[in-house]
Each structure stands twice: as C-alpha cells, then as structure tokens.
C-alpha atoms as a PDB file:
ATOM      1  CA  UNK A   1      63.820 233.865  11.961  1.00  0.00           C
ATOM      2  CA  UNK A   2      63.121 231.529  14.858  1.00  0.00           C
ATOM      3  CA  UNK A   3      62.170 231.989  18.503  1.00  0.00           C
ATOM      4  CA  UNK A   4      64.346 230.676  21.347  1.00  0.00           C
ATOM      5  CA  UNK A   5      62.542 227.345  21.622  1.00  0.00           C
ATOM      6  CA  UNK A   6      62.463 226.507  17.922  1.00  0.00           C
ATOM      7  CA  UNK A   7      64.924 224.540  15.865  1.00  0.00           C
ATOM      8  CA  UNK A   8      66.180 226.125  12.617  1.00  0.00           C
ATOM      9  CA  UNK A   9      64.941 223.069  10.692  1.00  0.00           C
ATOM     10  CA  UNK A  10      62.173 220.530  11.009  1.00  0.00           C
ATOM     11  CA  UNK A  11      64.290 218.354  13.300  1.00  0.00           C
ATOM     12  CA  UNK A  12      63.111 218.314  16.909  1.00  0.00           C
ATOM     13  CA  UNK A  13      64.815 219.262  20.130  1.00  0.00           C
ATOM     14  CA  UNK A  14      67.163 216.770  21.798  1.00  0.00           C
ATOM     15  CA  UNK A  15      67.637 216.620  25.576  1.00  0.00           C
ATOM     16  CA  UNK A  16      70.312 214.552  27.310  1.00  0.00           C
ATOM     17  CA  UNK A  17      69.694 214.200  31.072  1.00  0.00           C
ATOM     18  CA  UNK A  18      72.198 213.041  33.663  1.00  0.00           C
ATOM     19  CA  UNK A  19      69.359 211.862  35.927  1.00  0.00           C
ATOM     20  CA  UNK A  20      66.070 213.146  37.334  1.00  0.00           C
ATOM     21  CA  UNK A  21      63.531 211.825  34.863  1.00  0.00           C
ATOM     22  CA  UNK A  22      59.939 212.443  35.944  1.00  0.00           C
ATOM     23  CA  UNK A  23      60.939 214.378  39.086  1.00  0.00           C
ATOM     24  CA  UNK A  24      59.876 217.937  40.039  1.00  0.00           C
ATOM     25  CA  UNK A  25      63.511 219.042  40.019  1.00  0.00           C
ATOM     26  CA  UNK A  26      63.395 218.773  36.208  1.00  0.00           C
ATOM     27  CA  UNK A  27      60.173 220.760  35.751  1.00  0.00           C
ATOM     28  CA  UNK A  28      61.983 223.712  34.206  1.00  0.00           C
ATOM     29  CA  UNK A  29      63.607 221.462  31.619  1.00  0.00           C
ATOM     30  CA  UNK A  30      60.404 219.567  30.852  1.00  0.00           C
ATOM     31  CA  UNK A  31      58.336 222.737  30.495  1.00  0.00           C
ATOM     32  CA  UNK A  32      60.958 224.108  28.100  1.00  0.00           C
ATOM     33  CA  UNK A  33      60.764 220.924  26.028  1.00  0.00           C
ATOM     34  CA  UNK A  34      56.965 220.985  26.010  1.00  0.00           C
ATOM     35  CA  UNK A  35      57.050 224.547  24.700  1.00  0.00           C
ATOM     36  CA  UNK A  36      59.042 223.390  21.667  1.00  0.00           C
ATOM     37  CA  UNK A  37      55.999 221.360  20.558  1.00  0.00           C
ATOM     38  CA  UNK A  38      53.467 224.076  21.347  1.00  0.00           C
ATOM     39  CA  UNK A  39      52.961 223.524  25.072  1.00  0.00           C
ATOM     40  CA  UNK A  40      51.457 220.832  27.273  1.00  0.00           C
ATOM     41  CA  UNK A  41      48.081 220.749  25.515  1.00  0.00           C
ATOM     42  CA  UNK A  42      49.734 220.188  22.146  1.00  0.00           C
ATOM     43  CA  UNK A  43      52.047 217.448  23.402  1.00  0.00           C
ATOM     44  CA  UNK A  44      51.435 213.854  22.361  1.00  0.00           C
ATOM     45  CA  UNK A  45      53.874 211.991  24.574  1.00  0.00           C
ATOM     46  CA  UNK A  46      55.234 208.454  24.380  1.00  0.00           C
ATOM     47  CA  UNK A  47      56.974 207.080  27.467  1.00  0.00           C
ATOM     48  CA  UNK A  48      59.679 204.540  26.616  1.00  0.00           C
ATOM     49  CA  UNK A  49      60.933 202.522  29.606  1.00  0.00           C
ATOM     50  CA  UNK A  50      63.017 200.400  27.234  1.00  0.00           C
ATOM     51  CA  UNK A  51      66.325 200.676  29.091  1.00  0.00           C
ATOM     52  CA  UNK A  52      64.729 199.046  32.156  1.00  0.00           C
ATOM     53  CA  UNK A  53      63.411 196.111  30.146  1.00  0.00           C
ATOM     54  CA  UNK A  54      65.677 193.629  31.955  1.00  0.00           C
ATOM     55  CA  UNK A  55      64.284 194.673  35.358  1.00  0.00           C
ATOM     56  CA  UNK A  56      61.157 192.771  36.509  1.00  0.00           C
ATOM     57  CA  UNK A  57      59.105 195.867  37.432  1.00  0.00           C
ATOM     58  CA  UNK A  58      61.190 198.502  35.678  1.00  0.00           C
ATOM     59  CA  UNK A  59      58.750 199.433  32.930  1.00  0.00           C
ATOM     60  CA  UNK A  60      55.796 199.697  35.310  1.00  0.00           C
ATOM     61  CA  UNK A  61      57.747 201.870  37.728  1.00  0.00           C
ATOM     62  CA  UNK A  62      58.966 204.336  35.096  1.00  0.00           C
ATOM     63  CA  UNK A  63      55.624 204.497  33.300  1.00  0.00           C
ATOM     64  CA  UNK A  64      53.760 205.221  36.530  1.00  0.00           C
ATOM     65  CA  UNK A  65      56.221 207.993  37.404  1.00  0.00           C
ATOM     66  CA  UNK A  66      56.072 209.459  33.895  1.00  0.00           C
ATOM     67  CA  UNK A  67      52.282 209.460  33.749  1.00  0.00           C
ATOM     68  CA  UNK A  68      51.963 211.252  37.080  1.00  0.00           C
ATOM     69  CA  UNK A  69      54.737 213.747  36.337  1.00  0.00           C
ATOM     70  CA  UNK A  70      53.505 214.897  32.949  1.00  0.00           C
ATOM     71  CA  UNK A  71      49.875 214.972  34.063  1.00  0.00           C
ATOM     72  CA  UNK A  72      50.997 217.426  36.726  1.00  0.00           C
ATOM     73  CA  UNK A  73      52.542 219.525  33.960  1.00  0.00           C
ATOM     74  CA  UNK A  74      49.252 219.594  32.043  1.00  0.00           C
ATOM     75  CA  UNK A  75      49.834 216.914  29.410  1.00  0.00           C
ATOM     76  CA  UNK A  76      46.689 214.913  28.661  1.00  0.00           C
ATOM     77  CA  UNK A  77      47.884 212.709  25.770  1.00  0.00           C
ATOM     78  CA  UNK A  78      50.425 210.355  27.353  1.00  0.00           C
ATOM     79  CA  UNK A  79      51.051 206.860  25.933  1.00  0.00           C
ATOM     80  CA  UNK A  80      52.803 204.500  28.379  1.00  0.00           C
ATOM     81  CA  UNK A  81      54.448 201.994  26.071  1.00  0.00           C
ATOM     82  CA  UNK A  82      55.731 198.536  26.993  1.00  0.00           C
ATOM     83  CA  UNK A  83      58.564 198.552  24.482  1.00  0.00           C
ATOM     84  CA  UNK A  84      61.083 196.614  26.562  1.00  0.00           C
ATOM     85  CA  UNK A  85      62.769 194.186  24.154  1.00  0.00           C
ATOM     86  CA  UNK A  86      63.239 193.425  20.467  1.00  0.00           C
ATOM     87  CA  UNK A  87      59.880 191.652  20.168  1.00  0.00           C
ATOM     88  CA  UNK A  88      57.876 194.521  21.642  1.00  0.00           C
ATOM     89  CA  UNK A  89      59.867 197.079  19.610  1.00  0.00           C
ATOM     90  CA  UNK A  90      58.450 195.369  16.527  1.00  0.00           C
ATOM     91  CA  UNK A  91      54.990 194.619  17.904  1.00  0.00           C
ATOM     92  CA  UNK A  92      52.222 196.314  15.920  1.00  0.00           C
ATOM     93  CA  UNK A  93      50.160 197.235  18.982  1.00  0.00           C
ATOM     94  CA  UNK A  94      53.105 198.847  20.734  1.00  0.00           C
ATOM     95  CA  UNK A  95      54.332 200.657  17.641  1.00  0.00           C
ATOM     96  CA  UNK A  96      50.799 202.012  17.145  1.00  0.00           C
ATOM     97  CA  UNK A  97      51.195 203.933  20.423  1.00  0.00           C
ATOM     98  CA  UNK A  98      53.949 205.949  18.748  1.00  0.00           C
ATOM     99  CA  UNK A  99      51.754 207.149  15.884  1.00  0.00           C
ATOM    100  CA  UNK A 100      51.547 210.955  15.714  1.00  0.00           C
ATOM    101  CA  UNK A 101      53.518 211.344  18.968  1.00  0.00           C
ATOM    102  CA  UNK A 102      55.646 214.493  19.108  1.00  0.00           C
ATOM    103  CA  UNK A 103      57.537 213.908  22.377  1.00  0.00           C
ATOM    104  CA  UNK A 104      59.437 210.697  23.133  1.00  0.00           C
ATOM    105  CA  UNK A 105      60.919 210.210  26.601  1.00  0.00           C
ATOM    106  CA  UNK A 106      63.480 207.443  27.213  1.00  0.00           C
ATOM    107  CA  UNK A 107      64.040 206.702  30.902  1.00  0.00           C
ATOM    108  CA  UNK A 108      67.053 205.024  32.516  1.00  0.00           C
ATOM    109  CA  UNK A 109      68.377 201.526  32.935  1.00  0.00           C
ATOM    110  CA  UNK A 110      70.852 199.549  30.821  1.00  0.00           C
ATOM    111  CA  UNK A 111      72.337 201.505  27.878  1.00  0.00           C
ATOM    112  CA  UNK A 112      73.381 198.426  25.940  1.00  0.00           C
ATOM    113  CA  UNK A 113      69.920 196.905  26.237  1.00  0.00           C
ATOM    114  CA  UNK A 114      68.124 199.974  24.915  1.00  0.00           C
ATOM    115  CA  UNK A 115      70.548 200.299  21.994  1.00  0.00           C
ATOM    116  CA  UNK A 116      70.155 196.642  21.018  1.00  0.00           C
ATOM    117  CA  UNK A 117      66.374 196.805  21.412  1.00  0.00           C
ATOM    118  CA  UNK A 118      65.841 199.954  19.379  1.00  0.00           C
ATOM    119  CA  UNK A 119      68.373 199.458  16.594  1.00  0.00           C
ATOM    120  CA  UNK A 120      66.684 198.551  13.266  1.00  0.00           C
ATOM    121  CA  UNK A 121      63.290 198.169  14.963  1.00  0.00           C
ATOM    122  CA  UNK A 122      59.917 199.378  13.714  1.00  0.00           C
ATOM    123  CA  UNK A 123      59.635 201.493  16.856  1.00  0.00           C
ATOM    124  CA  UNK A 124      62.903 203.303  16.165  1.00  0.00           C
ATOM    125  CA  UNK A 125      61.895 203.806  12.527  1.00  0.00           C
ATOM    126  CA  UNK A 126      58.728 205.600  13.682  1.00  0.00           C
ATOM    127  CA  UNK A 127      60.599 207.626  16.292  1.00  0.00           C
ATOM    128  CA  UNK A 128      63.243 208.769  13.810  1.00  0.00           C
ATOM    129  CA  UNK A 129      60.591 209.823  11.310  1.00  0.00           C
ATOM    130  CA  UNK A 130      58.766 211.835  13.985  1.00  0.00           C
ATOM    131  CA  UNK A 131      62.035 213.443  15.122  1.00  0.00           C
ATOM    132  CA  UNK A 132      62.717 214.582  11.565  1.00  0.00           C
ATOM    133  CA  UNK A 133      59.276 216.233  11.606  1.00  0.00           C
ATOM    134  CA  UNK A 134      60.020 218.129  14.827  1.00  0.00           C
ATOM    135  CA  UNK A 135      59.367 215.714  17.700  1.00  0.00           C
ATOM    136  CA  UNK A 136      61.335 216.006  20.944  1.00  0.00           C
ATOM    137  CA  UNK A 137      63.703 213.196  21.904  1.00  0.00           C
ATOM    138  CA  UNK A 138      64.539 213.256  25.622  1.00  0.00           C
ATOM    139  CA  UNK A 139      66.803 210.598  27.089  1.00  0.00           C
ATOM    140  CA  UNK A 140      67.809 210.218  30.717  1.00  0.00           C
ATOM    141  CA  UNK A 141      70.874 208.296  31.938  1.00  0.00           C
ATOM    142  CA  UNK A 142      70.931 205.164  29.729  1.00  0.00           C
ATOM    143  CA  UNK A 143      68.408 206.878  27.454  1.00  0.00           C
ATOM    144  CA  UNK A 144      70.857 209.767  26.989  1.00  0.00           C
ATOM    145  CA  UNK A 145      73.771 207.419  26.338  1.00  0.00           C
ATOM    146  CA  UNK A 146      71.705 205.726  23.630  1.00  0.00           C
ATOM    147  CA  UNK A 147      71.220 209.007  21.759  1.00  0.00           C
ATOM    148  CA  UNK A 148      74.955 209.683  21.381  1.00  0.00           C
ATOM    149  CA  UNK A 149      77.326 208.481  18.687  1.00  0.00           C
ATOM    150  CA  UNK A 150      79.034 205.895  20.887  1.00  0.00           C
ATOM    151  CA  UNK A 151      78.672 204.600  24.410  1.00  0.00           C
ATOM    152  CA  UNK A 152      81.647 203.919  26.649  1.00  0.00           C
ATOM    153  CA  UNK A 153      80.682 203.243  30.251  1.00  0.00           C
ATOM    154  CA  UNK A 154      82.796 205.316  32.611  1.00  0.00           C
ATOM    155  CA  UNK A 155      81.294 203.468  35.562  1.00  0.00           C
ATOM    156  CA  UNK A 156      82.585 200.131  34.252  1.00  0.00           C
ATOM    157  CA  UNK A 157      86.075 201.563  33.829  1.00  0.00           C
ATOM    158  CA  UNK A 158      86.019 202.853  37.405  1.00  0.00           C
ATOM    159  CA  UNK A 159      85.263 199.275  38.478  1.00  0.00           C
ATOM    160  CA  UNK A 160      88.464 198.111  36.777  1.00  0.00           C
ATOM    161  CA  UNK A 161      87.029 196.919  33.470  1.00  0.00           C
ATOM    162  CA  UNK A 162      88.292 197.749  29.995  1.00  0.00           C
ATOM    163  CA  UNK A 163      86.687 200.539  27.961  1.00  0.00           C
ATOM    164  CA  UNK A 164      83.920 198.925  25.924  1.00  0.00           C
ATOM    165  CA  UNK A 165      82.778 201.067  23.023  1.00  0.00           C
ATOM    166  CA  UNK A 166      79.418 200.383  21.446  1.00  0.00           C
ATOM    167  CA  UNK A 167      77.897 202.252  18.544  1.00  0.00           C
ATOM    168  CA  UNK A 168      74.860 204.146  19.817  1.00  0.00           C
ATOM    169  CA  UNK A 169      71.960 205.429  17.713  1.00  0.00           C
ATOM    170  CA  UNK A 170      73.578 208.662  16.605  1.00  0.00           C
ATOM    171  CA  UNK A 171      71.014 211.378  17.224  1.00  0.00           C
ATOM    172  CA  UNK A 172      73.895 213.365  18.745  1.00  0.00           C
ATOM    173  CA  UNK A 173      76.497 211.683  16.535  1.00  0.00           C
ATOM    174  CA  UNK A 174      79.660 213.360  17.853  1.00  0.00           C
ATOM    175  CA  UNK A 175      78.932 212.960  21.568  1.00  0.00           C
ATOM    176  CA  UNK A 176      79.704 210.282  24.149  1.00  0.00           C
ATOM    177  CA  UNK A 177      77.491 210.832  27.191  1.00  0.00           C
ATOM    178  CA  UNK A 178      78.503 210.098  30.787  1.00  0.00           C
ATOM    179  CA  UNK A 179      75.426 210.586  33.035  1.00  0.00           C
ATOM    180  CA  UNK A 180      75.386 210.860  36.853  1.00  0.00           C
ATOM    181  CA  UNK A 181      78.704 212.609  36.408  1.00  0.00           C
ATOM    182  CA  UNK A 182      78.851 214.323  39.800  1.00  0.00           C
ATOM    183  CA  UNK A 183      78.856 210.908  41.468  1.00  0.00           C
ATOM    184  CA  UNK A 184      82.163 210.183  39.720  1.00  0.00           C
ATOM    185  CA  UNK A 185      83.810 213.542  40.398  1.00  0.00           C
ATOM    186  CA  UNK A 186      86.197 212.204  43.035  1.00  0.00           C
ATOM    187  CA  UNK A 187      87.685 209.851  40.453  1.00  0.00           C
ATOM    188  CA  UNK A 188      88.524 212.476  37.870  1.00  0.00           C
ATOM    189  CA  UNK A 189      92.214 212.757  38.822  1.00  0.00           C
ATOM    190  CA  UNK A 190      92.695 209.014  38.971  1.00  0.00           C
ATOM    191  CA  UNK A 191      94.182 206.830  36.259  1.00  0.00           C
ATOM    192  CA  UNK A 192      90.958 204.947  35.319  1.00  0.00           C
ATOM    193  CA  UNK A 193      89.263 208.226  34.393  1.00  0.00           C
ATOM    194  CA  UNK A 194      92.277 209.444  32.432  1.00  0.00           C
ATOM    195  CA  UNK A 195      92.368 206.079  30.674  1.00  0.00           C
ATOM    196  CA  UNK A 196      88.685 206.487  29.735  1.00  0.00           C
ATOM    197  CA  UNK A 197      89.393 209.941  28.301  1.00  0.00           C
ATOM    198  CA  UNK A 198      92.427 208.732  26.350  1.00  0.00           C
ATOM    199  CA  UNK A 199      90.363 205.927  24.855  1.00  0.00           C
ATOM    200  CA  UNK A 200      87.769 208.236  23.299  1.00  0.00           C
ATOM    201  CA  UNK A 201      88.396 208.622  19.534  1.00  0.00           C
ATOM    202  CA  UNK A 202      89.291 212.182  18.475  1.00  0.00           C
ATOM    203  CA  UNK A 203      86.144 212.569  16.365  1.00  0.00           C
ATOM    204  CA  UNK A 204      83.971 212.322  19.517  1.00  0.00           C
ATOM    205  CA  UNK A 205      83.489 214.688  22.453  1.00  0.00           C
ATOM    206  CA  UNK A 206      82.820 213.334  25.927  1.00  0.00           C
ATOM    207  CA  UNK A 207      80.179 215.177  27.960  1.00  0.00           C
ATOM    208  CA  UNK A 208      79.716 214.517  31.672  1.00  0.00           C
ATOM    209  CA  UNK A 209      76.186 215.460  32.726  1.00  0.00           C
ATOM    210  CA  UNK A 210      75.510 215.817  36.444  1.00  0.00           C
ATOM    211  CA  UNK A 211      72.403 214.485  38.119  1.00  0.00           C
ATOM    212  CA  UNK A 212      69.270 216.672  37.881  1.00  0.00           C
ATOM    213  CA  UNK A 213      70.872 218.408  34.881  1.00  0.00           C
ATOM    214  CA  UNK A 214      70.344 218.365  31.125  1.00  0.00           C
ATOM    215  CA  UNK A 215      72.258 219.238  27.989  1.00  0.00           C
ATOM    216  CA  UNK A 216      69.756 220.450  25.384  1.00  0.00           C
ATOM    217  CA  UNK A 217      70.332 221.015  21.709  1.00  0.00           C
ATOM    218  CA  UNK A 218      68.868 224.423  20.960  1.00  0.00           C
ATOM    219  CA  UNK A 219      70.208 225.025  17.449  1.00  0.00           C
ATOM    220  CA  UNK A 220      71.109 222.625  14.671  1.00  0.00           C
ATOM    221  CA  UNK A 221      73.981 223.166  12.213  1.00  0.00           C
ATOM    222  CA  UNK A 222      75.062 226.577  13.501  1.00  0.00           C
ATOM    223  CA  UNK A 223      75.746 228.868  10.516  1.00  0.00           C
ATOM    224  CA  UNK A 224      76.244 225.827   8.293  1.00  0.00           C
ATOM    225  CA  UNK A 225      79.178 224.624  10.378  1.00  0.00           C
ATOM    226  CA  UNK A 226      77.868 221.106  10.820  1.00  0.00           C
ATOM    227  CA  UNK A 227      78.000 221.682  14.584  1.00  0.00           C
ATOM    228  CA  UNK A 228      75.094 222.231  16.951  1.00  0.00           C
ATOM    229  CA  UNK A 229      74.485 224.631  19.823  1.00  0.00           C
ATOM    230  CA  UNK A 230      73.843 223.020  23.200  1.00  0.00           C
ATOM    231  CA  UNK A 231      72.629 224.577  26.452  1.00  0.00           C
ATOM    232  CA  UNK A 232      73.041 223.313  30.018  1.00  0.00           C
ATOM    233  CA  UNK A 233      69.898 223.441  32.158  1.00  0.00           C
ATOM    234  CA  UNK A 234      69.195 222.214  35.658  1.00  0.00           C
ATOM    235  CA  UNK A 235      70.536 222.089  39.187  1.00  0.00           C
ATOM    236  CA  UNK A 236      74.199 221.289  38.513  1.00  0.00           C
ATOM    237  CA  UNK A 237      76.735 221.390  35.653  1.00  0.00           C
ATOM    238  CA  UNK A 238      77.811 219.789  32.399  1.00  0.00           C
ATOM    239  CA  UNK A 239      81.495 219.129  31.781  1.00  0.00           C
ATOM    240  CA  UNK A 240      82.625 219.063  28.161  1.00  0.00           C
ATOM    241  CA  UNK A 241      85.987 217.402  27.559  1.00  0.00           C
ATOM    242  CA  UNK A 242      87.423 219.189  24.553  1.00  0.00           C
ATOM    243  CA  UNK A 243      90.587 217.071  24.887  1.00  0.00           C
ATOM    244  CA  UNK A 244      92.274 214.850  27.459  1.00  0.00           C
ATOM    245  CA  UNK A 245      93.737 217.919  29.174  1.00  0.00           C
ATOM    246  CA  UNK A 246      91.119 220.584  28.402  1.00  0.00           C
ATOM    247  CA  UNK A 247      87.535 220.846  29.557  1.00  0.00           C
ATOM    248  CA  UNK A 248      84.777 223.410  29.853  1.00  0.00           C
ATOM    249  CA  UNK A 249      82.275 223.452  32.695  1.00  0.00           C
ATOM    250  CA  UNK A 250      78.816 224.726  31.770  1.00  0.00           C
ATOM    251  CA  UNK A 251      76.582 226.234  34.420  1.00  0.00           C
ATOM    252  CA  UNK A 252      72.817 226.259  33.882  1.00  0.00           C
ATOM    253  CA  UNK A 253      71.978 228.581  30.984  1.00  0.00           C
ATOM    254  CA  UNK A 254      75.437 228.502  29.415  1.00  0.00           C
ATOM    255  CA  UNK A 255      75.854 227.303  25.844  1.00  0.00           C
ATOM    256  CA  UNK A 256      78.503 225.624  23.701  1.00  0.00           C
ATOM    257  CA  UNK A 257      78.812 224.680  20.031  1.00  0.00           C
ATOM    258  CA  UNK A 258      79.799 221.043  19.482  1.00  0.00           C
END
C-alpha cells in the first residue's frame, strides 16, 4: 500500500510543465515533488539548463533562478550543472554533479538541442539509473517535450512549417507534449492545428499543457494495464487529445489514465 505521493514501484515521479520553472506560481507543484523524495531536506537536486545551451547566457540565467527558488523552498543540496552540449554531457566533472541526486530539473529552451545533447550521453545514463531508483524527473517547456515519446513542434506548424517529428527520450513514451498551450488556444480551430493533430501517430497521445501548469505522473502501470495515472496541477488546464475530434480538459487536481 502506498501513500498519495509515492509511486507503486521504484521508478520516480515525472512532472511535465507547460512553463513556470523556478517561479513562485509553481510552489505547490514543486513542494509536492519534493515530498516524493522525503521533503526539501532529503532532496539532492541537479539543475539541468541543457535546453538553453545554444543561448549565450541561458545556463547562467536558469541556474541562478533555480538556486534561488529551491533555496526558498528549503533545499540545501542543489547542484547547478553546466551540461549544455554533447561534450559537457560526457564530461566527468559535470557528470559527477549528478551522483546520488534524487531530483533532476530540466528547464526550457530548444527541445531538439536537449534531446540531441542527452541521448546516449553519460549524463543521461546516470539520470536514467537514478530515475529507476526513485528520483524525480521534472521538465519544463522544452524539458517536458524531451521526456515524451516524440516531439512535434506545434509552434512551428502554426508558423507554416511542416510537422517535424523527432524521437524524444521516452520517459513518458506514449505522450507528445505541447507546452505553453494557452498561448496557442486561438489557433485550435484553424487548419494548421488540425493538421498537427492529424499528423500524430495513433499510438501517441498529444497533451497541451498551459503555462504555470503541470501534468504529473502519480501512478505507474495502473492495475497492470501498462498505462499510467496522471494528475493536472497548477493555475490553468491540461488538454488531452484522445483523438482528432475528441479531447478532455483537466482542471487542477483532476486525473486521467494514459
């Protein structure tokens, strides 16, 4: 028997955020995630600004914000990594910062860059091993897209480009994540959005996560079904596109099995 914040296996909690990393508006979500590893004093956190690695000051900005935010929440063991490209993802000194960490936070930026950087790297090998032992994986915006089964940028389609699918890292293997979803709401009845939906393979489910909102996996392999239970948390909503013509809108606290 498990409590509300525990996974029914050794695998850790997964959080997919539409935006809001390191901001007070996400305190409720972050406190919930910290509780899954025993609370702030038990957390050993690694900040991963990898998705911003192509931005000149991106890593410094996100690390500074993350350090301040989680210090305010009572976390004392915070490792601000500089894993920003393939070389640093395989650098011994950087990978050493991941040792024994039980909470990994991936901030936003370029989803394709973070996927290419992490895939087959020593850093990702360590992170996966920790996740299988119960570590939290939290990804915001590009970091959330990276954790899905595929990425397919809705924003690029809205700009008139073709749907470009890219295999993501598969922590949530059946999901395709569209962050900042409320910003795109006015486009939902237009052809580019419908085209994006039609392009998604039937074995995947598209989830649109609004800003300042998270979709959190709270139970793995529900009753042996191979599907997981997810809960919306935060200021806005999560839209789950069951099919091209059918969707479910989750308010904060509501759950769905996917």
